[in-house]
Amino acid sequence: MRYDLVPGVFVRHPDEPDWGVGQIQSSIGARVTVNFENAGKLLINIDKVDLEVCRDQKP
């Protein structure tokens, strides 16, 4: 379990750069809902995708 993936955190999907930066809306177990600037709200299984936290960057 990744404790850094909590609501409000900005992330990127490593395989979908065109989606842009997303903000985590909710996190329940391995299911994280992210609202991406160019792809909208998506449910991501973090057991299968290693989301990249944008530590020094915001949209």
PDB file of N, CA and C in Angstrom:
ATOM      1  N   MET A   1       0.834  -1.184   0.000  1.00  0.00           N
ATOM      2  CA  MET A   1       0.000   0.000   0.000  1.00  0.00           C
ATOM      3  C   MET A   1       0.877   1.246   0.000  1.00  0.00           C
ATOM      4  N   ARG A   2       0.514   2.192  -0.838  1.00  0.00           N
ATOM      5  CA  ARG A   2       1.277   3.442  -0.915  1.00  0.00           C
ATOM      6  C   ARG A   2       0.558   4.519  -0.128  1.00  0.00           C
ATOM      7  N   TYR A   3       1.214   5.018   0.887  1.00  0.00           N
ATOM      8  CA  TYR A   3       0.603   6.014   1.758  1.00  0.00           C
ATOM      9  C   TYR A   3       0.706   7.431   1.203  1.00  0.00           C
ATOM     10  N   ASP A   4       1.468   7.601   0.116  1.00  0.00           N
ATOM     11  CA  ASP A   4       1.578   8.936  -0.479  1.00  0.00           C
ATOM     12  C   ASP A   4       0.457   9.216  -1.479  1.00  0.00           C
ATOM     13  N   LEU A   5      -0.363   8.216  -1.805  1.00  0.00           N
ATOM     14  CA  LEU A   5      -1.454   8.392  -2.764  1.00  0.00           C
ATOM     15  C   LEU A   5      -2.763   8.640  -2.019  1.00  0.00           C
ATOM     16  N   VAL A   6      -2.928   9.870  -1.590  1.00  0.00           N
ATOM     17  CA  VAL A   6      -4.108  10.275  -0.827  1.00  0.00           C
ATOM     18  C   VAL A   6      -4.805  11.414  -1.568  1.00  0.00           C
ATOM     19  N   PRO A   7      -6.085  11.655  -1.276  1.00  0.00           N
ATOM     20  CA  PRO A   7      -6.800  12.742  -1.951  1.00  0.00           C
ATOM     21  C   PRO A   7      -6.048  14.070  -1.864  1.00  0.00           C
ATOM     22  N   GLY A   8      -6.030  14.759  -3.018  1.00  0.00           N
ATOM     23  CA  GLY A   8      -5.359  16.049  -3.116  1.00  0.00           C
ATOM     24  C   GLY A   8      -3.986  15.994  -3.752  1.00  0.00           C
ATOM     25  N   VAL A   9      -3.363  14.811  -3.761  1.00  0.00           N
ATOM     26  CA  VAL A   9      -2.019  14.656  -4.325  1.00  0.00           C
ATOM     27  C   VAL A   9      -2.094  14.686  -5.852  1.00  0.00           C
ATOM     28  N   PHE A  10      -1.125  15.361  -6.477  1.00  0.00           N
ATOM     29  CA  PHE A  10      -1.041  15.424  -7.945  1.00  0.00           C
ATOM     30  C   PHE A  10      -0.144  14.302  -8.449  1.00  0.00           C
ATOM     31  N   VAL A  11      -0.598  13.624  -9.525  1.00  0.00           N
ATOM     32  CA  VAL A  11       0.122  12.471 -10.075  1.00  0.00           C
ATOM     33  C   VAL A  11       0.117  12.503 -11.605  1.00  0.00           C
ATOM     34  N   ARG A  12       0.956  11.656 -12.161  1.00  0.00           N
ATOM     35  CA  ARG A  12       0.977  11.397 -13.611  1.00  0.00           C
ATOM     36  C   ARG A  12       0.912   9.888 -13.809  1.00  0.00           C
ATOM     37  N   HIS A  13       0.284   9.488 -14.923  1.00  0.00           N
ATOM     38  CA  HIS A  13       0.267   8.071 -15.303  1.00  0.00           C
ATOM     39  C   HIS A  13       1.493   7.847 -16.186  1.00  0.00           C
ATOM     40  N   PRO A  14       2.393   6.931 -15.814  1.00  0.00           N
ATOM     41  CA  PRO A  14       3.650   6.771 -16.558  1.00  0.00           C
ATOM     42  C   PRO A  14       3.480   6.330 -18.008  1.00  0.00           C
ATOM     43  N   ASP A  15       2.385   5.645 -18.335  1.00  0.00           N
ATOM     44  CA  ASP A  15       2.184   5.149 -19.691  1.00  0.00           C
ATOM     45  C   ASP A  15       1.268   6.037 -20.526  1.00  0.00           C
ATOM     46  N   GLU A  16       0.722   7.088 -19.918  1.00  0.00           N
ATOM     47  CA  GLU A  16      -0.233   7.966 -20.611  1.00  0.00           C
ATOM     48  C   GLU A  16       0.117   9.437 -20.395  1.00  0.00           C
ATOM     49  N   PRO A  17       1.240   9.896 -20.939  1.00  0.00           N
ATOM     50  CA  PRO A  17       1.646  11.293 -20.706  1.00  0.00           C
ATOM     51  C   PRO A  17       0.648  12.318 -21.246  1.00  0.00           C
ATOM     52  N   ASP A  18      -0.120  11.948 -22.261  1.00  0.00           N
ATOM     53  CA  ASP A  18      -1.095  12.878 -22.828  1.00  0.00           C
ATOM     54  C   ASP A  18      -2.254  13.169 -21.875  1.00  0.00           C
ATOM     55  N   TRP A  19      -2.427  12.347 -20.862  1.00  0.00           N
ATOM     56  CA  TRP A  19      -3.497  12.603 -19.886  1.00  0.00           C
ATOM     57  C   TRP A  19      -3.184  13.817 -19.036  1.00  0.00           C
ATOM     58  N   GLY A  20      -1.911  14.186 -18.960  1.00  0.00           N
ATOM     59  CA  GLY A  20      -1.494  15.329 -18.159  1.00  0.00           C
ATOM     60  C   GLY A  20      -1.463  14.995 -16.677  1.00  0.00           C
ATOM     61  N   VAL A  21      -1.456  16.054 -15.879  1.00  0.00           N
ATOM     62  CA  VAL A  21      -1.419  15.894 -14.424  1.00  0.00           C
ATOM     63  C   VAL A  21      -2.821  15.595 -13.924  1.00  0.00           C
ATOM     64  N   GLY A  22      -2.895  14.705 -12.953  1.00  0.00           N
ATOM     65  CA  GLY A  22      -4.172  14.379 -12.336  1.00  0.00           C
ATOM     66  C   GLY A  22      -4.121  14.606 -10.843  1.00  0.00           C
ATOM     67  N   GLN A  23      -5.284  14.855 -10.266  1.00  0.00           N
ATOM     68  CA  GLN A  23      -5.369  15.013  -8.820  1.00  0.00           C
ATOM     69  C   GLN A  23      -6.190  13.862  -8.254  1.00  0.00           C
ATOM     70  N   ILE A  24      -5.659  13.217  -7.224  1.00  0.00           N
ATOM     71  CA  ILE A  24      -6.353  12.097  -6.613  1.00  0.00           C
ATOM     72  C   ILE A  24      -7.605  12.608  -5.913  1.00  0.00           C
ATOM     73  N   GLN A  25      -8.731  11.945  -6.216  1.00  0.00           N
ATOM     74  CA  GLN A  25     -10.011  12.301  -5.626  1.00  0.00           C
ATOM     75  C   GLN A  25     -10.344  11.399  -4.444  1.00  0.00           C
ATOM     76  N   SER A  26     -10.015  10.101  -4.582  1.00  0.00           N
ATOM     77  CA  SER A  26     -10.251   9.149  -3.500  1.00  0.00           C
ATOM     78  C   SER A  26      -9.292   7.975  -3.640  1.00  0.00           C
ATOM     79  N   SER A  27      -9.089   7.279  -2.525  1.00  0.00           N
ATOM     80  CA  SER A  27      -8.184   6.135  -2.504  1.00  0.00           C
ATOM     81  C   SER A  27      -8.736   5.104  -1.527  1.00  0.00           C
ATOM     82  N   ILE A  28      -9.120   3.930  -2.086  1.00  0.00           N
ATOM     83  CA  ILE A  28      -9.650   2.842  -1.268  1.00  0.00           C
ATOM     84  C   ILE A  28      -8.911   1.574  -1.661  1.00  0.00           C
ATOM     85  N   GLY A  29      -8.048   1.119  -0.783  1.00  0.00           N
ATOM     86  CA  GLY A  29      -7.238  -0.055  -1.093  1.00  0.00           C
ATOM     87  C   GLY A  29      -6.358   0.223  -2.301  1.00  0.00           C
ATOM     88  N   ALA A  30      -6.434  -0.641  -3.305  1.00  0.00           N
ATOM     89  CA  ALA A  30      -5.630  -0.481  -4.521  1.00  0.00           C
ATOM     90  C   ALA A  30      -6.339   0.350  -5.583  1.00  0.00           C
ATOM     91  N   ARG A  31      -7.546   0.820  -5.278  1.00  0.00           N
ATOM     92  CA  ARG A  31      -8.322   1.593  -6.256  1.00  0.00           C
ATOM     93  C   ARG A  31      -8.221   3.087  -5.947  1.00  0.00           C
ATOM     94  N   VAL A  32      -7.699   3.825  -6.915  1.00  0.00           N
ATOM     95  CA  VAL A  32      -7.509   5.260  -6.754  1.00  0.00           C
ATOM     96  C   VAL A  32      -8.251   5.969  -7.880  1.00  0.00           C
ATOM     97  N   THR A  33      -9.115   6.903  -7.524  1.00  0.00           N
ATOM     98  CA  THR A  33      -9.815   7.710  -8.516  1.00  0.00           C
ATOM     99  C   THR A  33      -9.021   8.989  -8.721  1.00  0.00           C
ATOM    100  N   VAL A  34      -8.673   9.241  -9.997  1.00  0.00           N
ATOM    101  CA  VAL A  34      -7.852  10.399 -10.334  1.00  0.00           C
ATOM    102  C   VAL A  34      -8.577  11.226 -11.387  1.00  0.00           C
ATOM    103  N   ASN A  35      -8.598  12.537 -11.204  1.00  0.00           N
ATOM    104  CA  ASN A  35      -9.174  13.448 -12.181  1.00  0.00           C
ATOM    105  C   ASN A  35      -8.019  14.060 -12.980  1.00  0.00           C
ATOM    106  N   PHE A  36      -7.799  13.530 -14.207  1.00  0.00           N
ATOM    107  CA  PHE A  36      -6.717  14.008 -15.072  1.00  0.00           C
ATOM    108  C   PHE A  36      -7.185  15.200 -15.889  1.00  0.00           C
ATOM    109  N   GLU A  37      -6.267  16.150 -16.113  1.00  0.00           N
ATOM    110  CA  GLU A  37      -6.632  17.375 -16.824  1.00  0.00           C
ATOM    111  C   GLU A  37      -7.085  17.123 -18.264  1.00  0.00           C
ATOM    112  N   ASN A  38      -6.580  16.097 -18.929  1.00  0.00           N
ATOM    113  CA  ASN A  38      -6.939  15.850 -20.328  1.00  0.00           C
ATOM    114  C   ASN A  38      -7.704  14.544 -20.555  1.00  0.00           C
ATOM    115  N   ALA A  39      -7.989  13.803 -19.491  1.00  0.00           N
ATOM    116  CA  ALA A  39      -8.682  12.517 -19.656  1.00  0.00           C
ATOM    117  C   ALA A  39      -9.892  12.380 -18.734  1.00  0.00           C
ATOM    118  N   GLY A  40     -10.077  13.340 -17.840  1.00  0.00           N
ATOM    119  CA  GLY A  40     -11.210  13.279 -16.923  1.00  0.00           C
ATOM    120  C   GLY A  40     -10.955  12.344 -15.757  1.00  0.00           C
ATOM    121  N   LYS A  41     -12.033  11.936 -15.111  1.00  0.00           N
ATOM    122  CA  LYS A  41     -11.950  11.118 -13.905  1.00  0.00           C
ATOM    123  C   LYS A  41     -11.842   9.644 -14.277  1.00  0.00           C
ATOM    124  N   LEU A  42     -10.791   8.986 -13.761  1.00  0.00           N
ATOM    125  CA  LEU A  42     -10.532   7.588 -14.075  1.00  0.00           C
ATOM    126  C   LEU A  42     -10.199   6.807 -12.810  1.00  0.00           C
ATOM    127  N   LEU A  43     -10.593   5.549 -12.796  1.00  0.00           N
ATOM    128  CA  LEU A  43     -10.280   4.653 -11.694  1.00  0.00           C
ATOM    129  C   LEU A  43      -9.014   3.877 -12.062  1.00  0.00           C
ATOM    130  N   ILE A  44      -7.993   3.972 -11.231  1.00  0.00           N
ATOM    131  CA  ILE A  44      -6.699   3.335 -11.489  1.00  0.00           C
ATOM    132  C   ILE A  44      -6.437   2.281 -10.421  1.00  0.00           C
ATOM    133  N   ASN A  45      -6.024   1.092 -10.856  1.00  0.00           N
ATOM    134  CA  ASN A  45      -5.614   0.034  -9.939  1.00  0.00           C
ATOM    135  C   ASN A  45      -4.110   0.181  -9.716  1.00  0.00           C
ATOM    136  N   ILE A  46      -3.719   0.643  -8.536  1.00  0.00           N
ATOM    137  CA  ILE A  46      -2.301   0.904  -8.300  1.00  0.00           C
ATOM    138  C   ILE A  46      -1.487  -0.364  -8.060  1.00  0.00           C
ATOM    139  N   ASP A  47      -2.153  -1.516  -8.035  1.00  0.00           N
ATOM    140  CA  ASP A  47      -1.406  -2.777  -8.044  1.00  0.00           C
ATOM    141  C   ASP A  47      -0.853  -3.053  -9.443  1.00  0.00           C
ATOM    142  N   LYS A  48      -1.446  -2.416 -10.451  1.00  0.00           N
ATOM    143  CA  LYS A  48      -1.036  -2.635 -11.844  1.00  0.00           C
ATOM    144  C   LYS A  48      -0.319  -1.436 -12.448  1.00  0.00           C
ATOM    145  N   VAL A  49      -0.565  -0.236 -11.917  1.00  0.00           N
ATOM    146  CA  VAL A  49       0.032   0.995 -12.449  1.00  0.00           C
ATOM    147  C   VAL A  49       0.734   1.730 -11.318  1.00  0.00           C
ATOM    148  N   ASP A  50       1.988   2.090 -11.536  1.00  0.00           N
ATOM    149  CA  ASP A  50       2.755   2.820 -10.530  1.00  0.00           C
ATOM    150  C   ASP A  50       2.671   4.313 -10.846  1.00  0.00           C
ATOM    151  N   LEU A  51       1.651   4.976 -10.304  1.00  0.00           N
ATOM    152  CA  LEU A  51       1.465   6.400 -10.549  1.00  0.00           C
ATOM    153  C   LEU A  51       2.668   7.175 -10.025  1.00  0.00           C
ATOM    154  N   GLU A  52       3.048   8.224 -10.771  1.00  0.00           N
ATOM    155  CA  GLU A  52       4.182   9.057 -10.392  1.00  0.00           C
ATOM    156  C   GLU A  52       3.667  10.291  -9.666  1.00  0.00           C
ATOM    157  N   VAL A  53       4.093  10.478  -8.436  1.00  0.00           N
ATOM    158  CA  VAL A  53       3.688  11.654  -7.662  1.00  0.00           C
ATOM    159  C   VAL A  53       4.454  12.866  -8.179  1.00  0.00           C
ATOM    160  N   CYS A  54       3.740  13.963  -8.409  1.00  0.00           N
ATOM    161  CA  CYS A  54       4.342  15.228  -8.858  1.00  0.00           C
ATOM    162  C   CYS A  54       4.702  16.031  -7.612  1.00  0.00           C
ATOM    163  N   ARG A  55       5.886  15.825  -7.108  1.00  0.00           N
ATOM    164  CA  ARG A  55       6.291  16.454  -5.839  1.00  0.00           C
ATOM    165  C   ARG A  55       6.585  17.936  -5.978  1.00  0.00           C
ATOM    166  N   ASP A  56       7.120  18.349  -7.107  1.00  0.00           N
ATOM    167  CA  ASP A  56       7.508  19.753  -7.249  1.00  0.00           C
ATOM    168  C   ASP A  56       6.733  20.423  -8.381  1.00  0.00           C
ATOM    169  N   GLN A  57       5.588  19.879  -8.723  1.00  0.00           N
ATOM    170  CA  GLN A  57       4.859  20.370  -9.891  1.00  0.00           C
ATOM    171  C   GLN A  57       3.370  20.291  -9.646  1.00  0.00           C
ATOM    172  N   LYS A  58       2.663  21.307 -10.065  1.00  0.00           N
ATOM    173  CA  LYS A  58       1.203  21.331 -10.030  1.00  0.00           C
ATOM    174  C   LYS A  58       0.724  21.719 -11.424  1.00  0.00           C
ATOM    175  N   PRO A  59      -0.518  21.406 -11.735  1.00  0.00           N
ATOM    176  CA  PRO A  59      -0.991  21.730 -13.088  1.00  0.00           C
ATOM    177  C   PRO A  59      -1.029  23.223 -13.352  1.00  0.00           C
TER     178      PRO A  59
END
